[in-house]
Amino acid sequence: MRKMLLLSAAVALMASGALAQSTVTTTTGAAGTTVQIEPEYRTRIKTYITEHKIRPVTTKEKIVVGGTLPRDIELEAVPSDWGPSLTKYRYVYSGDRVMLVDPGTRTVVQEID
């Protein structure tokens, strides 16, 4: 009986771990912005950048999550097919990385790799 209970608990833990990996959540910034991107949308974003031959932005300093972008860097509108939760953001493509940016504060909230 005890072995069955332990086995059931182990299976439950493994199943919950697999479910947790299906969505990527990142918490950044002073306000604790949370961005969730489903794996299928990550694929769409990468495909969009490749198919539309988006030119990367070059900057003096490395763009990092939590950092603020200078005003001279142009932010691009997020296409609606990247997912409804992302359309409130803008993006910058730099160094083979797509960076989601809060347009109000110009803070980088997510790196899409």
Protein backbone atom coordinates (compact mmCIF):
# COMPACT_ATOMS: atom_id res chain seq x y z
CA MET A 1 0.00 0.00 0.00
CA ARG A 2 2.78 2.41 0.93
CA LYS A 3 4.66 1.69 -2.32
CA MET A 4 1.49 2.41 -4.31
CA LEU A 5 1.05 5.73 -2.51
CA LEU A 6 4.67 6.74 -3.15
CA LEU A 7 4.40 5.72 -6.79
CA SER A 8 1.21 7.77 -7.19
CA ALA A 9 2.87 10.80 -5.62
CA ALA A 10 5.89 10.47 -7.91
CA VAL A 11 3.68 10.24 -11.01
CA ALA A 12 1.70 13.29 -9.88
CA LEU A 13 4.89 15.32 -9.40
CA MET A 14 6.24 14.36 -12.82
CA ALA A 15 2.93 15.22 -14.49
CA SER A 16 2.76 18.64 -12.85
CA GLY A 17 6.35 19.35 -13.91
CA ALA A 18 5.51 18.55 -17.54
CA LEU A 19 2.52 20.88 -17.45
CA ALA A 20 4.58 23.69 -15.96
CA GLN A 21 6.98 23.55 -18.91
CA SER A 22 4.32 24.21 -21.55
CA THR A 23 4.17 27.96 -20.82
CA VAL A 24 7.14 30.23 -20.30
CA THR A 25 6.58 32.92 -17.68
CA THR A 26 9.04 35.66 -16.97
CA THR A 27 8.75 38.22 -14.20
CA THR A 28 10.87 41.34 -14.59
CA GLY A 29 10.98 45.04 -13.93
CA ALA A 30 10.18 47.12 -10.91
CA ALA A 31 6.46 46.65 -11.38
CA GLY A 32 6.89 42.85 -11.66
CA THR A 33 5.59 42.57 -15.23
CA THR A 34 4.64 38.99 -16.10
CA VAL A 35 4.76 37.80 -19.70
CA GLN A 36 3.47 34.37 -20.72
CA ILE A 37 4.32 33.01 -24.15
CA GLU A 38 3.05 29.66 -25.31
CA PRO A 39 5.58 27.54 -27.25
CA GLU A 40 3.50 27.76 -30.45
CA TYR A 41 3.72 31.58 -30.33
CA ARG A 42 7.50 31.42 -29.79
CA THR A 43 7.71 29.45 -33.03
CA ARG A 44 5.50 31.99 -34.83
CA ILE A 45 7.69 34.85 -33.64
CA LYS A 46 10.89 33.19 -34.85
CA THR A 47 9.24 32.36 -38.19
CA TYR A 48 8.00 35.95 -38.59
CA ILE A 49 11.48 37.40 -38.04
CA THR A 50 12.99 34.97 -40.57
CA GLU A 51 10.28 35.27 -43.25
CA HIS A 52 10.05 39.07 -43.07
CA LYS A 53 13.84 39.42 -43.01
CA ILE A 54 13.70 41.86 -40.11
CA ARG A 55 16.93 43.82 -39.85
CA PRO A 56 18.54 43.72 -36.42
CA VAL A 57 19.03 46.97 -34.53
CA THR A 58 22.60 47.74 -33.54
CA THR A 59 23.24 49.44 -30.22
CA LYS A 60 26.26 50.62 -28.28
CA GLU A 61 25.16 48.73 -25.20
CA LYS A 62 23.74 45.23 -24.96
CA ILE A 63 19.95 45.09 -24.64
CA VAL A 64 18.97 43.13 -21.54
CA VAL A 65 15.73 42.16 -19.81
CA GLY A 66 14.91 44.79 -17.21
CA GLY A 67 16.91 47.47 -19.01
CA THR A 68 15.47 50.63 -20.52
CA LEU A 69 15.91 51.33 -24.23
CA PRO A 70 17.15 54.73 -25.37
CA ARG A 71 14.63 56.97 -27.17
CA ASP A 72 16.54 56.74 -30.47
CA ILE A 73 15.77 53.01 -30.85
CA GLU A 74 12.61 52.53 -32.88
CA LEU A 75 10.09 50.11 -31.42
CA GLU A 76 8.09 47.91 -33.79
CA ALA A 77 4.43 46.94 -33.30
CA VAL A 78 3.86 43.33 -32.28
CA PRO A 79 1.82 41.50 -34.95
CA SER A 80 -1.49 40.10 -33.69
CA ASP A 81 -0.56 36.54 -34.70
CA TRP A 82 2.17 36.55 -32.01
CA GLY A 83 -0.60 36.09 -29.47
CA PRO A 84 -3.26 38.32 -27.94
CA SER A 85 -1.36 38.83 -24.68
CA LEU A 86 1.62 40.34 -26.52
CA THR A 87 -0.06 43.00 -28.66
CA LYS A 88 0.24 45.59 -25.88
CA TYR A 89 4.03 45.40 -26.22
CA ARG A 90 6.45 46.52 -28.92
CA TYR A 91 9.55 44.68 -29.99
CA VAL A 92 13.15 45.19 -31.02
CA TYR A 93 15.20 42.65 -32.94
CA SER A 94 18.85 42.84 -31.93
CA GLY A 95 21.69 40.35 -32.07
CA ASP A 96 19.48 37.44 -33.18
CA ARG A 97 17.17 38.08 -30.23
CA VAL A 98 13.64 39.42 -30.14
CA MET A 99 13.10 41.65 -27.14
CA LEU A 100 9.58 42.57 -25.99
CA VAL A 101 9.36 46.12 -24.69
CA ASP A 102 6.77 47.95 -22.62
CA PRO A 103 6.12 50.99 -24.84
CA GLY A 104 5.17 53.27 -21.94
CA THR A 105 8.38 52.79 -19.99
CA ARG A 106 10.59 51.40 -22.79
CA THR A 107 11.60 48.63 -20.38
CA VAL A 108 12.58 45.27 -21.90
CA VAL A 109 10.23 42.72 -20.34
CA GLN A 110 11.07 39.52 -22.23
CA GLU A 111 13.75 38.00 -24.42
CA ILE A 112 12.44 35.53 -26.96
CA ASP A 113 15.15 33.08 -27.85
